[in-house]
Amino acid sequence: SSGCAVLLVGAGAAGTAAYMKGDIESSEPHSVEAVFQASVAALQDLKLSILNKTQDELSAQITARDAADKKVSVKIKFISESSTKLTIRVSIFGDETKSRQIYSGIKRHLNTD
């Protein structure tokens, strides 16, 4: 039980990803636009098929499929001018390894801008 508490505390820190209930969630110190662009680039780097992209000033969502035809969902929500919530889910029940790989790719693109 103490492991869960530590995980939840880390979830609020900027740029720290927590895996909970099939999702990776993090708060990123970037705009919705920056996280959206980094997400698209990371999915393309991983050769995932992007099926749908939607974006406005307050949120964005990307739906893709991997080679095993598992659905990949990336959701981005405005928190403040300098903070955005990022949620990644792979398949119905979640896939932590693939989700973390996607998250790493997004972080790489955010850190190169």
Protein backbone atom coordinates (compact mmCIF):
# COMPACT_ATOMS: atom_id res chain seq x y z
CA SER A 1 0.00 0.00 0.00
CA SER A 2 2.86 2.43 0.65
CA GLY A 3 4.05 1.86 -2.94
CA CYS A 4 0.76 3.22 -4.24
CA ALA A 5 1.05 6.35 -2.11
CA VAL A 6 4.50 7.07 -3.50
CA LEU A 7 3.21 6.53 -7.04
CA LEU A 8 0.32 8.93 -6.51
CA VAL A 9 2.56 11.63 -5.04
CA GLY A 10 4.81 11.43 -8.11
CA ALA A 11 1.85 11.79 -10.46
CA GLY A 12 1.45 15.48 -9.65
CA ALA A 13 5.04 16.47 -10.33
CA ALA A 14 5.69 18.13 -13.68
CA GLY A 15 7.02 15.72 -16.25
CA THR A 16 6.61 12.66 -14.00
CA ALA A 17 4.56 9.82 -15.44
CA ALA A 18 2.49 7.48 -13.30
CA TYR A 19 0.94 4.25 -14.61
CA MET A 20 -2.51 3.75 -13.07
CA LYS A 21 -5.48 1.66 -14.18
CA GLY A 22 -4.05 1.08 -17.67
CA ASP A 23 -3.12 4.71 -18.36
CA ILE A 24 0.11 6.64 -18.14
CA GLU A 25 -0.70 10.11 -16.83
CA SER A 26 1.61 13.07 -16.45
CA SER A 27 1.55 16.82 -16.09
CA GLU A 28 3.84 18.40 -18.67
CA PRO A 29 5.23 21.95 -18.42
CA HIS A 30 4.29 22.68 -22.04
CA SER A 31 1.31 23.99 -24.00
CA VAL A 32 -1.41 21.78 -25.52
CA GLU A 33 0.04 22.60 -28.97
CA ALA A 34 3.60 21.57 -28.01
CA VAL A 35 2.46 18.28 -26.43
CA PHE A 36 0.20 17.56 -29.42
CA GLN A 37 3.01 18.11 -31.94
CA ALA A 38 5.45 16.02 -29.86
CA SER A 39 2.85 13.24 -29.58
CA VAL A 40 2.23 13.11 -33.33
CA ALA A 41 5.98 13.03 -33.99
CA ALA A 42 6.57 10.27 -31.41
CA LEU A 43 3.77 8.10 -32.84
CA GLN A 44 5.20 8.58 -36.34
CA ASP A 45 8.71 7.69 -35.08
CA LEU A 46 7.29 4.42 -33.72
CA LYS A 47 5.57 3.76 -37.09
CA LEU A 48 2.10 3.68 -35.54
CA SER A 49 -0.81 4.33 -37.91
CA ILE A 50 -2.50 7.57 -36.89
CA LEU A 51 -6.23 7.25 -37.57
CA ASN A 52 -7.59 10.47 -36.11
CA LYS A 53 -6.24 13.75 -34.71
CA THR A 54 -8.33 16.51 -33.15
CA GLN A 55 -7.11 19.65 -31.46
CA ASP A 56 -8.34 22.95 -30.10
CA GLU A 57 -6.91 25.45 -27.60
CA LEU A 58 -7.99 23.41 -24.56
CA SER A 59 -7.52 19.79 -25.58
CA ALA A 60 -6.32 17.36 -28.19
CA GLN A 61 -6.72 13.68 -28.90
CA ILE A 62 -4.87 11.27 -31.16
CA THR A 63 -6.04 7.76 -32.00
CA ALA A 64 -3.63 5.31 -33.60
CA ARG A 65 -3.09 1.57 -34.10
CA ASP A 66 0.07 -0.45 -33.61
CA ALA A 67 1.27 -3.37 -35.76
CA ALA A 68 -0.77 -5.79 -33.61
CA ASP A 69 -3.86 -3.60 -34.32
CA LYS A 70 -4.06 -2.45 -30.69
CA LYS A 71 -5.69 0.93 -30.22
CA VAL A 72 -3.43 3.69 -28.94
CA SER A 73 -5.08 6.75 -27.41
CA VAL A 74 -3.25 9.96 -26.50
CA LYS A 75 -5.30 12.62 -24.70
CA ILE A 76 -4.02 16.10 -23.94
CA LYS A 77 -5.83 18.60 -21.70
CA PHE A 78 -5.13 22.21 -20.79
CA ILE A 79 -4.35 22.77 -17.10
CA SER A 80 -2.79 26.25 -17.29
CA GLU A 81 -0.76 28.36 -19.71
CA SER A 82 2.35 26.39 -18.77
CA SER A 83 0.92 22.99 -17.84
CA THR A 84 -0.84 20.22 -19.76
CA LYS A 85 -2.22 16.84 -18.67
CA LEU A 86 -1.10 13.95 -20.90
CA THR A 87 -2.81 10.54 -20.81
CA ILE A 88 -1.68 7.54 -22.86
CA ARG A 89 -3.50 4.20 -23.14
CA VAL A 90 -2.60 1.20 -25.28
CA SER A 91 -5.40 -1.36 -25.84
CA ILE A 92 -8.50 -1.78 -23.73
CA PHE A 93 -6.72 -2.95 -20.58
CA GLY A 94 -3.50 -0.98 -21.01
CA ASP A 95 0.05 -2.00 -21.89
CA GLU A 96 2.55 -0.34 -19.59
CA THR A 97 5.63 -1.20 -21.66
CA LYS A 98 4.25 0.26 -24.90
CA SER A 99 2.71 3.23 -23.09
CA ARG A 100 6.07 4.07 -21.50
CA GLN A 101 7.81 3.74 -24.88
CA ILE A 102 5.34 6.24 -26.40
CA TYR A 103 5.75 8.55 -23.39
CA SER A 104 9.55 8.44 -23.77
CA GLY A 105 9.22 9.41 -27.43
CA ILE A 106 6.94 12.33 -26.56
CA LYS A 107 9.37 13.52 -23.87
CA ARG A 108 12.27 13.30 -26.36
CA HIS A 109 10.42 15.57 -28.79
CA LEU A 110 9.40 18.00 -26.04
CA ASN A 111 12.99 18.30 -24.85
CA THR A 112 14.36 19.01 -28.33
CA ASP A 113 12.06 21.96 -29.03
